[in-house]
Amino acid sequence: MKRIVIFGNQQAAIDCAGWLLNRHDVQIIAFVGCEKPQDKQYGYPSTSFFCREKNIPFFDPSTLDNAFYELFKRWRPDLCLSIYYRRIFNERYLSVPPMGFINMHPSLLPKYRGSMPTLWALFNNEKKAGVTLHYIDRGIDTGDIIAQKIYSVPPAITGYALHRNLMGFGFHLFKKIFPLVLTGRITRIKQNHTEATYFSAYNETLRAIDWYSPSERILSRIRTLTRPYAGAVARVLNKDIIFWSARKYILSKKKLRGPGKIVKVQKNGAFVVSTIDGFILVTDNSLSETFQKKRQTCIAVGNTFIL
């Protein structure tokens, strides 16, 4: 019976753990999480609660320090799984399990290495995305590929929905591949590092709308960051406005007023903004409810959004 340690968070980690519990050839000896408040906000079940229900030893160390490494080493795992785990494993950890560490990454490696690949894929208007199971090595998402699944990106999908869909596909791919991993009948595929792309971690500056971008790029940012994420943001009259949804708006190019210029305001709080190549209609924003209740808003024709 193979001894397994799962490092993970969110639904995909729970799905994989639940499936492994029904197998008779493996034992989950520990589950290591690093839950964040937004996991609950995004509707993901608690990994710690799941482990209590299933009698799986659960750990949530603040860092993967020397003390935790000594504990990890005493567990003597045969194989470790990383499923949306938020920390980097150093070489000491990687050398412990003889069958290695396997990671689930929601992109088609070597493209979109790094954190939050689903957001970057939508920011860049990718038509295809996917999920990769790969071995972890000393680099960031650079290890040998075990298997991949390609996903055609629906035109109106949000960043949240794309992430959930891809991790769900990752779970199904994991169920298909895992028996082969145990038997060692896996063909490891070296990544072509010359084709690699790497994108930085999420930070608040990514929420800012760049009005000098084409309309499609602006719309993709709004769609990517919409609820339950924090939303795309632009500033007008010293007030940050959150953009929740928008679409293209047909208006004569003669009425273009330059990037970020408001050209029309509707009674329901929606407004039309001029871009460098057309117009967008912002149909839901953080001022909409206030406008509908009080019939007033700081948005007016002629206002200009700033970065």
C-alpha atoms as a PDB file:
ATOM      1  CA  MET A   1       0.000   0.000   0.000  1.00  0.00           C
ATOM      2  CA  LYS A   2       1.452   3.346  -1.076  1.00  0.00           C
ATOM      3  CA  ARG A   3       1.637   6.150   1.477  1.00  0.00           C
ATOM      4  CA  ILE A   4       0.437   9.490   0.101  1.00  0.00           C
ATOM      5  CA  VAL A   5       0.625  13.057   1.381  1.00  0.00           C
ATOM      6  CA  ILE A   6      -1.663  15.616  -0.258  1.00  0.00           C
ATOM      7  CA  PHE A   7      -0.709  19.290  -0.293  1.00  0.00           C
ATOM      8  CA  GLY A   8      -3.751  21.164  -1.493  1.00  0.00           C
ATOM      9  CA  ASN A   9      -6.700  23.503  -1.273  1.00  0.00           C
ATOM     10  CA  GLN A  10     -10.152  24.034  -2.724  1.00  0.00           C
ATOM     11  CA  GLN A  11     -12.533  21.595  -4.367  1.00  0.00           C
ATOM     12  CA  ALA A  12     -10.064  19.748  -6.608  1.00  0.00           C
ATOM     13  CA  ALA A  13      -7.911  18.701  -3.652  1.00  0.00           C
ATOM     14  CA  ILE A  14     -10.966  17.441  -1.775  1.00  0.00           C
ATOM     15  CA  ASP A  15     -12.231  15.577  -4.847  1.00  0.00           C
ATOM     16  CA  CYS A  16      -8.891  13.814  -5.324  1.00  0.00           C
ATOM     17  CA  ALA A  17      -8.637  12.948  -1.633  1.00  0.00           C
ATOM     18  CA  GLY A  18     -12.191  11.591  -1.541  1.00  0.00           C
ATOM     19  CA  TRP A  19     -11.524   9.414  -4.572  1.00  0.00           C
ATOM     20  CA  LEU A  20      -8.274   8.065  -3.109  1.00  0.00           C
ATOM     21  CA  LEU A  21     -10.048   7.131   0.117  1.00  0.00           C
ATOM     22  CA  ASN A  22     -12.053   4.554  -1.850  1.00  0.00           C
ATOM     23  CA  ARG A  23      -8.941   2.808  -3.139  1.00  0.00           C
ATOM     24  CA  HIS A  24      -7.379  -0.127  -1.313  1.00  0.00           C
ATOM     25  CA  ASP A  25      -3.859   0.305  -2.665  1.00  0.00           C
ATOM     26  CA  VAL A  26      -3.106   3.733  -1.130  1.00  0.00           C
ATOM     27  CA  GLN A  27      -3.283   5.430   2.253  1.00  0.00           C
ATOM     28  CA  ILE A  28      -3.544   9.187   2.778  1.00  0.00           C
ATOM     29  CA  ILE A  29      -1.244   9.679   5.753  1.00  0.00           C
ATOM     30  CA  ALA A  30      -1.586  13.485   5.882  1.00  0.00           C
ATOM     31  CA  PHE A  31      -3.274  16.417   4.190  1.00  0.00           C
ATOM     32  CA  VAL A  32      -1.384  19.730   4.235  1.00  0.00           C
ATOM     33  CA  GLY A  33      -3.396  22.833   3.421  1.00  0.00           C
ATOM     34  CA  CYS A  34      -2.966  26.594   3.421  1.00  0.00           C
ATOM     35  CA  GLU A  35      -6.522  27.846   3.399  1.00  0.00           C
ATOM     36  CA  LYS A  36      -7.300  31.521   2.836  1.00  0.00           C
ATOM     37  CA  PRO A  37     -10.444  33.497   3.687  1.00  0.00           C
ATOM     38  CA  GLN A  38     -11.280  33.911  -0.009  1.00  0.00           C
ATOM     39  CA  ASP A  39     -11.611  30.137  -0.398  1.00  0.00           C
ATOM     40  CA  LYS A  40     -14.832  30.349   1.615  1.00  0.00           C
ATOM     41  CA  GLN A  41     -15.826  33.552  -0.168  1.00  0.00           C
ATOM     42  CA  TYR A  42     -15.474  31.773  -3.525  1.00  0.00           C
ATOM     43  CA  GLY A  43     -17.677  28.906  -2.352  1.00  0.00           C
ATOM     44  CA  TYR A  44     -15.024  26.238  -1.868  1.00  0.00           C
ATOM     45  CA  PRO A  45     -15.512  23.750   0.970  1.00  0.00           C
ATOM     46  CA  SER A  46     -13.046  23.724   3.848  1.00  0.00           C
ATOM     47  CA  THR A  47     -10.227  21.203   3.476  1.00  0.00           C
ATOM     48  CA  SER A  48      -9.722  21.111   7.239  1.00  0.00           C
ATOM     49  CA  PHE A  49     -13.412  20.281   7.806  1.00  0.00           C
ATOM     50  CA  PHE A  50     -13.260  17.583   5.131  1.00  0.00           C
ATOM     51  CA  CYS A  51     -10.243  16.007   6.820  1.00  0.00           C
ATOM     52  CA  ARG A  52     -11.929  16.034  10.239  1.00  0.00           C
ATOM     53  CA  GLU A  53     -14.950  14.257   8.739  1.00  0.00           C
ATOM     54  CA  LYS A  54     -12.752  11.638   7.058  1.00  0.00           C
ATOM     55  CA  ASN A  55     -10.273  11.221   9.926  1.00  0.00           C
ATOM     56  CA  ILE A  56      -7.325  12.387   7.822  1.00  0.00           C
ATOM     57  CA  PRO A  57      -4.535  14.110   9.795  1.00  0.00           C
ATOM     58  CA  PHE A  58      -4.621  17.776   8.713  1.00  0.00           C
ATOM     59  CA  PHE A  59      -1.829  20.324   8.941  1.00  0.00           C
ATOM     60  CA  ASP A  60      -1.707  24.004   8.018  1.00  0.00           C
ATOM     61  CA  PRO A  61       1.856  25.215   8.681  1.00  0.00           C
ATOM     62  CA  SER A  62       2.565  28.915   8.186  1.00  0.00           C
ATOM     63  CA  THR A  63       5.753  27.964   6.318  1.00  0.00           C
ATOM     64  CA  LEU A  64       7.447  24.828   5.074  1.00  0.00           C
ATOM     65  CA  ASP A  65      10.284  25.378   7.538  1.00  0.00           C
ATOM     66  CA  ASN A  66      12.872  23.051   9.083  1.00  0.00           C
ATOM     67  CA  ALA A  67      10.540  21.864  11.841  1.00  0.00           C
ATOM     68  CA  PHE A  68       7.814  20.897   9.391  1.00  0.00           C
ATOM     69  CA  TYR A  69      10.352  19.259   7.103  1.00  0.00           C
ATOM     70  CA  GLU A  70      11.491  16.984   9.933  1.00  0.00           C
ATOM     71  CA  LEU A  71       7.860  16.006  10.560  1.00  0.00           C
ATOM     72  CA  PHE A  72       7.264  15.442   6.849  1.00  0.00           C
ATOM     73  CA  LYS A  73      10.342  13.242   6.591  1.00  0.00           C
ATOM     74  CA  ARG A  74       9.116  11.053   9.458  1.00  0.00           C
ATOM     75  CA  TRP A  75       5.906  10.349   7.553  1.00  0.00           C
ATOM     76  CA  ARG A  76       7.942   8.475   4.908  1.00  0.00           C
ATOM     77  CA  PRO A  77       5.537   9.151   2.009  1.00  0.00           C
ATOM     78  CA  ASP A  78       5.898   7.156  -1.194  1.00  0.00           C
ATOM     79  CA  LEU A  79       4.219   9.854  -3.276  1.00  0.00           C
ATOM     80  CA  CYS A  80       3.088  13.458  -2.763  1.00  0.00           C
ATOM     81  CA  LEU A  81       0.381  15.359  -4.591  1.00  0.00           C
ATOM     82  CA  SER A  82       0.196  19.134  -4.970  1.00  0.00           C
ATOM     83  CA  ILE A  83      -3.301  20.271  -5.900  1.00  0.00           C
ATOM     84  CA  TYR A  84      -3.621  24.046  -5.883  1.00  0.00           C
ATOM     85  CA  TYR A  85      -1.131  24.298  -3.050  1.00  0.00           C
ATOM     86  CA  ARG A  86       0.141  27.836  -2.557  1.00  0.00           C
ATOM     87  CA  ARG A  87       3.743  27.280  -1.498  1.00  0.00           C
ATOM     88  CA  ILE A  88       6.948  26.289  -3.265  1.00  0.00           C
ATOM     89  CA  PHE A  89       8.703  23.037  -2.282  1.00  0.00           C
ATOM     90  CA  ASN A  90      12.448  23.210  -1.848  1.00  0.00           C
ATOM     91  CA  GLU A  91      14.766  20.450  -2.968  1.00  0.00           C
ATOM     92  CA  ARG A  92      14.815  18.774   0.453  1.00  0.00           C
ATOM     93  CA  TYR A  93      11.083  18.098   0.290  1.00  0.00           C
ATOM     94  CA  LEU A  94      11.267  16.873  -3.296  1.00  0.00           C
ATOM     95  CA  SER A  95      13.924  14.282  -2.416  1.00  0.00           C
ATOM     96  CA  VAL A  96      11.822  12.521   0.259  1.00  0.00           C
ATOM     97  CA  PRO A  97       9.099  10.569  -1.632  1.00  0.00           C
ATOM     98  CA  PRO A  98      10.677   7.939  -3.919  1.00  0.00           C
ATOM     99  CA  MET A  99       7.790   8.289  -6.403  1.00  0.00           C
ATOM    100  CA  GLY A 100       8.135  12.078  -6.439  1.00  0.00           C
ATOM    101  CA  PHE A 101       5.740  15.022  -6.268  1.00  0.00           C
ATOM    102  CA  ILE A 102       2.927  15.399  -8.810  1.00  0.00           C
ATOM    103  CA  ASN A 103       1.295  18.768  -9.422  1.00  0.00           C
ATOM    104  CA  MET A 104      -2.027  19.736 -11.038  1.00  0.00           C
ATOM    105  CA  HIS A 105      -1.580  22.968 -12.987  1.00  0.00           C
ATOM    106  CA  PRO A 106      -4.469  24.707 -14.827  1.00  0.00           C
ATOM    107  CA  SER A 107      -2.645  25.513 -18.058  1.00  0.00           C
ATOM    108  CA  LEU A 108      -1.144  23.728 -21.030  1.00  0.00           C
ATOM    109  CA  LEU A 109       2.466  23.695 -19.900  1.00  0.00           C
ATOM    110  CA  PRO A 110       4.964  24.974 -20.821  1.00  0.00           C
ATOM    111  CA  LYS A 111       2.582  27.867 -21.503  1.00  0.00           C
ATOM    112  CA  TYR A 112       1.432  29.946 -18.548  1.00  0.00           C
ATOM    113  CA  ARG A 113       3.798  28.778 -15.876  1.00  0.00           C
ATOM    114  CA  GLY A 114       3.357  30.489 -12.514  1.00  0.00           C
ATOM    115  CA  SER A 115       0.346  31.339 -10.400  1.00  0.00           C
ATOM    116  CA  MET A 116      -3.162  32.255 -11.605  1.00  0.00           C
ATOM    117  CA  PRO A 117      -2.702  30.995 -15.184  1.00  0.00           C
ATOM    118  CA  THR A 118      -6.464  31.049 -15.825  1.00  0.00           C
ATOM    119  CA  LEU A 119      -6.622  34.801 -15.241  1.00  0.00           C
ATOM    120  CA  TRP A 120      -3.716  35.448 -17.585  1.00  0.00           C
ATOM    121  CA  ALA A 121      -5.161  33.184 -20.270  1.00  0.00           C
ATOM    122  CA  LEU A 122      -8.403  35.204 -20.284  1.00  0.00           C
ATOM    123  CA  PHE A 123      -6.562  38.519 -20.083  1.00  0.00           C
ATOM    124  CA  ASN A 124      -4.825  37.439 -23.280  1.00  0.00           C
ATOM    125  CA  ASN A 125      -8.051  36.239 -24.955  1.00  0.00           C
ATOM    126  CA  GLU A 126      -6.788  32.687 -25.394  1.00  0.00           C
ATOM    127  CA  LYS A 127      -9.152  30.443 -27.320  1.00  0.00           C
ATOM    128  CA  LYS A 128      -7.749  27.264 -25.770  1.00  0.00           C
ATOM    129  CA  ALA A 129      -6.672  26.491 -22.226  1.00  0.00           C
ATOM    130  CA  GLY A 130      -6.187  23.254 -20.336  1.00  0.00           C
ATOM    131  CA  VAL A 131      -4.807  21.402 -17.364  1.00  0.00           C
ATOM    132  CA  THR A 132      -1.517  19.569 -16.904  1.00  0.00           C
ATOM    133  CA  LEU A 133      -0.403  16.855 -14.507  1.00  0.00           C
ATOM    134  CA  HIS A 134       3.367  17.006 -14.134  1.00  0.00           C
ATOM    135  CA  TYR A 135       6.189  16.055 -11.828  1.00  0.00           C
ATOM    136  CA  ILE A 136       7.600  18.820  -9.680  1.00  0.00           C
ATOM    137  CA  ASP A 137      11.285  19.636 -10.001  1.00  0.00           C
ATOM    138  CA  ARG A 138      13.426  22.518  -8.750  1.00  0.00           C
ATOM    139  CA  GLY A 139      11.898  25.008 -11.198  1.00  0.00           C
ATOM    140  CA  ILE A 140       8.459  26.602 -11.222  1.00  0.00           C
ATOM    141  CA  ASP A 141       6.117  24.369 -13.254  1.00  0.00           C
ATOM    142  CA  THR A 142       9.080  23.074 -15.271  1.00  0.00           C
ATOM    143  CA  GLY A 143       8.914  19.340 -14.469  1.00  0.00           C
ATOM    144  CA  ASP A 144       8.156  16.467 -16.831  1.00  0.00           C
ATOM    145  CA  ILE A 145       4.581  16.257 -18.111  1.00  0.00           C
ATOM    146  CA  ILE A 146       2.468  13.210 -17.276  1.00  0.00           C
ATOM    147  CA  ALA A 147      -0.760  14.121 -19.083  1.00  0.00           C
ATOM    148  CA  GLN A 148      -2.736  17.098 -20.386  1.00  0.00           C
ATOM    149  CA  LYS A 149      -6.323  17.904 -21.305  1.00  0.00           C
ATOM    150  CA  ILE A 150      -7.227  20.697 -23.729  1.00  0.00           C
ATOM    151  CA  TYR A 151     -10.264  22.894 -23.126  1.00  0.00           C
ATOM    152  CA  SER A 152     -11.899  25.251 -25.645  1.00  0.00           C
ATOM    153  CA  VAL A 153     -12.541  28.520 -23.833  1.00  0.00           C
ATOM    154  CA  PRO A 154     -16.185  29.669 -24.171  1.00  0.00           C
ATOM    155  CA  PRO A 155     -16.367  33.307 -25.319  1.00  0.00           C
ATOM    156  CA  ALA A 156     -18.292  34.590 -22.279  1.00  0.00           C
ATOM    157  CA  ILE A 157     -16.697  32.554 -19.486  1.00  0.00           C
ATOM    158  CA  THR A 158     -15.493  34.337 -16.345  1.00  0.00           C
ATOM    159  CA  GLY A 159     -12.143  33.873 -14.646  1.00  0.00           C
ATOM    160  CA  TYR A 160     -13.769  32.111 -11.716  1.00  0.00           C
ATOM    161  CA  ALA A 161     -15.703  29.701 -13.929  1.00  0.00           C
ATOM    162  CA  LEU A 162     -12.655  28.903 -16.052  1.00  0.00           C
ATOM    163  CA  HIS A 163     -10.578  28.089 -12.967  1.00  0.00           C
ATOM    164  CA  ARG A 164     -13.267  25.804 -11.553  1.00  0.00           C
ATOM    165  CA  ASN A 165     -13.792  24.080 -14.886  1.00  0.00           C
ATOM    166  CA  LEU A 166     -10.115  23.423 -15.442  1.00  0.00           C
ATOM    167  CA  MET A 167      -9.541  22.076 -11.939  1.00  0.00           C
ATOM    168  CA  GLY A 168     -12.582  19.860 -12.435  1.00  0.00           C
ATOM    169  CA  PHE A 169     -11.051  18.524 -15.642  1.00  0.00           C
ATOM    170  CA  GLY A 170      -7.833  18.048 -13.691  1.00  0.00           C
ATOM    171  CA  PHE A 171      -9.640  15.797 -11.228  1.00  0.00           C
ATOM    172  CA  HIS A 172     -11.029  13.614 -14.012  1.00  0.00           C
ATOM    173  CA  LEU A 173      -7.612  13.444 -15.649  1.00  0.00           C
ATOM    174  CA  PHE A 174      -6.095  12.498 -12.288  1.00  0.00           C
ATOM    175  CA  LYS A 175      -8.525   9.576 -11.872  1.00  0.00           C
ATOM    176  CA  LYS A 176      -7.590   8.308 -15.325  1.00  0.00           C
ATOM    177  CA  ILE A 177      -3.822   8.619 -14.901  1.00  0.00           C
ATOM    178  CA  PHE A 178      -3.264   7.758 -11.243  1.00  0.00           C
ATOM    179  CA  PRO A 179      -3.415   3.938 -11.624  1.00  0.00           C
ATOM    180  CA  LEU A 180      -0.653   4.194 -14.233  1.00  0.00           C
ATOM    181  CA  VAL A 181       1.415   6.332 -11.873  1.00  0.00           C
ATOM    182  CA  LEU A 182       1.233   3.615  -9.206  1.00  0.00           C
ATOM    183  CA  THR A 183       2.405   0.941 -11.620  1.00  0.00           C
ATOM    184  CA  GLY A 184       5.188   3.114 -12.992  1.00  0.00           C
ATOM    185  CA  ARG A 185       3.864   2.841 -16.549  1.00  0.00           C
ATOM    186  CA  ILE A 186       4.066   6.550 -17.216  1.00  0.00           C
ATOM    187  CA  THR A 187       5.913   8.095 -20.137  1.00  0.00           C
ATOM    188  CA  ARG A 188       7.465  11.291 -18.843  1.00  0.00           C
ATOM    189  CA  ILE A 189       7.447  14.064 -21.439  1.00  0.00           C
ATOM    190  CA  LYS A 190      10.142  16.707 -21.182  1.00  0.00           C
ATOM    191  CA  GLN A 191       8.837  20.234 -21.481  1.00  0.00           C
ATOM    192  CA  ASN A 192      10.052  22.338 -24.384  1.00  0.00           C
ATOM    193  CA  HIS A 193      11.466  25.222 -22.402  1.00  0.00           C
ATOM    194  CA  THR A 194      11.919  27.356 -25.525  1.00  0.00           C
ATOM    195  CA  GLU A 195       8.111  27.560 -25.775  1.00  0.00           C
ATOM    196  CA  ALA A 196       7.593  28.459 -22.127  1.00  0.00           C
ATOM    197  CA  THR A 197       5.778  31.545 -20.921  1.00  0.00           C
ATOM    198  CA  TYR A 198       5.698  32.700 -17.316  1.00  0.00           C
ATOM    199  CA  PHE A 199       3.325  35.187 -15.734  1.00  0.00           C
ATOM    200  CA  SER A 200       3.547  36.910 -12.382  1.00  0.00           C
ATOM    201  CA  ALA A 201       1.318  36.345  -9.381  1.00  0.00           C
ATOM    202  CA  TYR A 202      -1.927  38.260  -8.990  1.00  0.00           C
ATOM    203  CA  ASN A 203      -1.682  41.713  -7.474  1.00  0.00           C
ATOM    204  CA  GLU A 204      -4.076  44.627  -7.119  1.00  0.00           C
ATOM    205  CA  THR A 205      -2.557  46.571 -10.016  1.00  0.00           C
ATOM    206  CA  LEU A 206      -3.998  43.974 -12.396  1.00  0.00           C
ATOM    207  CA  ARG A 207      -7.478  45.265 -11.610  1.00  0.00           C
ATOM    208  CA  ALA A 208      -6.801  48.636 -13.257  1.00  0.00           C
ATOM    209  CA  ILE A 209      -8.383  49.091 -16.683  1.00  0.00           C
ATOM    210  CA  ASP A 210      -6.006  50.444 -19.308  1.00  0.00           C
ATOM    211  CA  TRP A 211      -8.151  52.599 -21.587  1.00  0.00           C
ATOM    212  CA  TYR A 212      -5.359  52.654 -24.160  1.00  0.00           C
ATOM    213  CA  SER A 213      -5.955  48.940 -24.728  1.00  0.00           C
ATOM    214  CA  PRO A 214      -8.299  47.675 -27.467  1.00  0.00           C
ATOM    215  CA  SER A 215     -11.937  47.174 -26.474  1.00  0.00           C
ATOM    216  CA  GLU A 216     -11.620  43.375 -26.554  1.00  0.00           C
ATOM    217  CA  ARG A 217      -8.788  43.457 -24.027  1.00  0.00           C
ATOM    218  CA  ILE A 218     -10.754  45.765 -21.726  1.00  0.00           C
ATOM    219  CA  LEU A 219     -13.811  43.518 -21.931  1.00  0.00           C
ATOM    220  CA  SER A 220     -11.739  40.408 -21.221  1.00  0.00           C
ATOM    221  CA  ARG A 221     -10.297  42.021 -18.084  1.00  0.00           C
ATOM    222  CA  ILE A 222     -13.766  42.916 -16.812  1.00  0.00           C
ATOM    223  CA  ARG A 223     -15.088  39.417 -17.526  1.00  0.00           C
ATOM    224  CA  THR A 224     -12.044  37.748 -15.984  1.00  0.00           C
ATOM    225  CA  LEU A 225     -12.228  39.635 -12.701  1.00  0.00           C
ATOM    226  CA  THR A 226     -15.995  39.789 -12.221  1.00  0.00           C
ATOM    227  CA  ARG A 227     -17.780  38.340  -9.178  1.00  0.00           C
ATOM    228  CA  PRO A 228     -16.886  36.571  -7.001  1.00  0.00           C
ATOM    229  CA  TYR A 229     -13.444  38.050  -7.750  1.00  0.00           C
ATOM    230  CA  ALA A 230     -12.724  41.660  -6.828  1.00  0.00           C
ATOM    231  CA  GLY A 231     -13.650  43.240 -10.170  1.00  0.00           C
ATOM    232  CA  ALA A 232     -11.822  45.470 -12.648  1.00  0.00           C
ATOM    233  CA  VAL A 233     -11.423  49.078 -11.550  1.00  0.00           C
ATOM    234  CA  ALA A 234     -11.174  52.543 -13.062  1.00  0.00           C
ATOM    235  CA  ARG A 235     -11.219  55.908 -11.351  1.00  0.00           C
ATOM    236  CA  VAL A 236     -13.382  58.953 -12.066  1.00  0.00           C
ATOM    237  CA  LEU A 237     -13.723  62.104  -9.949  1.00  0.00           C
ATOM    238  CA  ASN A 238     -11.472  60.619  -7.234  1.00  0.00           C
ATOM    239  CA  LYS A 239     -13.715  57.583  -6.860  1.00  0.00           C
ATOM    240  CA  ASP A 240     -12.885  53.986  -7.753  1.00  0.00           C
ATOM    241  CA  ILE A 241     -15.635  52.331  -9.763  1.00  0.00           C
ATOM    242  CA  ILE A 242     -15.756  48.543  -9.994  1.00  0.00           C
ATOM    243  CA  PHE A 243     -16.764  47.140 -13.370  1.00  0.00           C
ATOM    244  CA  TRP A 244     -18.714  43.877 -13.071  1.00  0.00           C
ATOM    245  CA  SER A 245     -19.958  43.406 -16.625  1.00  0.00           C
ATOM    246  CA  ALA A 246     -19.750  45.151 -19.986  1.00  0.00           C
ATOM    247  CA  ARG A 247     -20.197  44.473 -23.673  1.00  0.00           C
ATOM    248  CA  LYS A 248     -19.446  46.048 -27.010  1.00  0.00           C
ATOM    249  CA  TYR A 249     -21.650  48.967 -27.946  1.00  0.00           C
ATOM    250  CA  ILE A 250     -22.327  50.027 -31.517  1.00  0.00           C
ATOM    251  CA  LEU A 251     -22.048  53.751 -32.041  1.00  0.00           C
ATOM    252  CA  SER A 252     -20.740  55.832 -34.895  1.00  0.00           C
ATOM    253  CA  LYS A 253     -16.962  56.104 -34.874  1.00  0.00           C
ATOM    254  CA  LYS A 254     -17.511  59.822 -35.365  1.00  0.00           C
ATOM    255  CA  LYS A 255     -18.490  59.963 -31.697  1.00  0.00           C
ATOM    256  CA  LEU A 256     -15.190  58.548 -30.457  1.00  0.00           C
ATOM    257  CA  ARG A 257     -13.957  60.902 -27.754  1.00  0.00           C
ATOM    258  CA  GLY A 258     -10.703  59.218 -26.859  1.00  0.00           C
ATOM    259  CA  PRO A 259      -9.726  56.537 -24.331  1.00  0.00           C
ATOM    260  CA  GLY A 260     -11.906  56.350 -21.219  1.00  0.00           C
ATOM    261  CA  LYS A 261     -14.283  59.169 -22.126  1.00  0.00           C
ATOM    262  CA  ILE A 262     -17.921  58.735 -21.054  1.00  0.00           C
ATOM    263  CA  VAL A 263     -20.203  59.534 -23.998  1.00  0.00           C
ATOM    264  CA  LYS A 264     -23.609  58.381 -22.760  1.00  0.00           C
ATOM    265  CA  VAL A 265     -25.314  57.626 -19.442  1.00  0.00           C
ATOM    266  CA  GLN A 266     -28.525  55.605 -19.193  1.00  0.00           C
ATOM    267  CA  LYS A 267     -31.202  55.979 -16.518  1.00  0.00           C
ATOM    268  CA  ASN A 268     -30.482  52.566 -15.035  1.00  0.00           C
ATOM    269  CA  GLY A 269     -26.873  53.481 -14.308  1.00  0.00           C
ATOM    270  CA  ALA A 270     -25.317  51.850 -17.360  1.00  0.00           C
ATOM    271  CA  PHE A 271     -22.948  54.048 -19.335  1.00  0.00           C
ATOM    272  CA  VAL A 272     -21.056  54.035 -22.610  1.00  0.00           C
ATOM    273  CA  VAL A 273     -17.312  54.609 -22.650  1.00  0.00           C
ATOM    274  CA  SER A 274     -15.220  55.544 -25.655  1.00  0.00           C
ATOM    275  CA  THR A 275     -12.084  53.424 -26.226  1.00  0.00           C
ATOM    276  CA  ILE A 276      -9.291  53.672 -28.763  1.00  0.00           C
ATOM    277  CA  ASP A 277     -11.183  51.538 -31.274  1.00  0.00           C
ATOM    278  CA  GLY A 278     -14.875  51.716 -30.373  1.00  0.00           C
ATOM    279  CA  PHE A 279     -17.252  51.766 -27.425  1.00  0.00           C
ATOM    280  CA  ILE A 280     -18.220  49.559 -24.507  1.00  0.00           C
ATOM    281  CA  LEU A 281     -21.443  49.613 -22.520  1.00  0.00           C
ATOM    282  CA  VAL A 282     -20.843  49.051 -18.794  1.00  0.00           C
ATOM    283  CA  THR A 283     -24.004  47.221 -17.710  1.00  0.00           C
ATOM    284  CA  ASP A 284     -23.138  46.513 -14.072  1.00  0.00           C
ATOM    285  CA  ASN A 285     -20.870  48.532 -11.845  1.00  0.00           C
ATOM    286  CA  SER A 286     -20.432  49.416  -8.191  1.00  0.00           C
ATOM    287  CA  LEU A 287     -22.529  52.579  -8.561  1.00  0.00           C
ATOM    288  CA  SER A 288     -25.541  50.914 -10.184  1.00  0.00           C
ATOM    289  CA  GLU A 289     -27.424  50.137  -6.972  1.00  0.00           C
ATOM    290  CA  THR A 290     -26.762  53.602  -5.553  1.00  0.00           C
ATOM    291  CA  PHE A 291     -27.957  55.171  -8.766  1.00  0.00           C
ATOM    292  CA  GLN A 292     -31.175  53.177  -8.869  1.00  0.00           C
ATOM    293  CA  LYS A 293     -32.011  54.033  -5.248  1.00  0.00           C
ATOM    294  CA  LYS A 294     -31.074  57.698  -5.192  1.00  0.00           C
ATOM    295  CA  ARG A 295     -31.292  58.599  -8.882  1.00  0.00           C
ATOM    296  CA  GLN A 296     -27.863  60.177  -8.717  1.00  0.00           C
ATOM    297  CA  THR A 297     -24.337  59.232  -9.602  1.00  0.00           C
ATOM    298  CA  CYS A 298     -20.986  60.870 -10.049  1.00  0.00           C
ATOM    299  CA  ILE A 299     -20.886  59.523 -13.607  1.00  0.00           C
ATOM    300  CA  ALA A 300     -21.789  62.087 -16.221  1.00  0.00           C
ATOM    301  CA  VAL A 301     -21.249  62.558 -19.916  1.00  0.00           C
ATOM    302  CA  GLY A 302     -17.847  64.101 -20.460  1.00  0.00           C
ATOM    303  CA  ASN A 303     -16.190  62.525 -17.429  1.00  0.00           C
ATOM    304  CA  THR A 304     -12.965  60.713 -18.143  1.00  0.00           C
ATOM    305  CA  PHE A 305     -11.743  57.577 -16.406  1.00  0.00           C
ATOM    306  CA  ILE A 306      -8.108  57.563 -15.414  1.00  0.00           C
ATOM    307  CA  LEU A 307      -5.683  54.721 -14.778  1.00  0.00           C
END
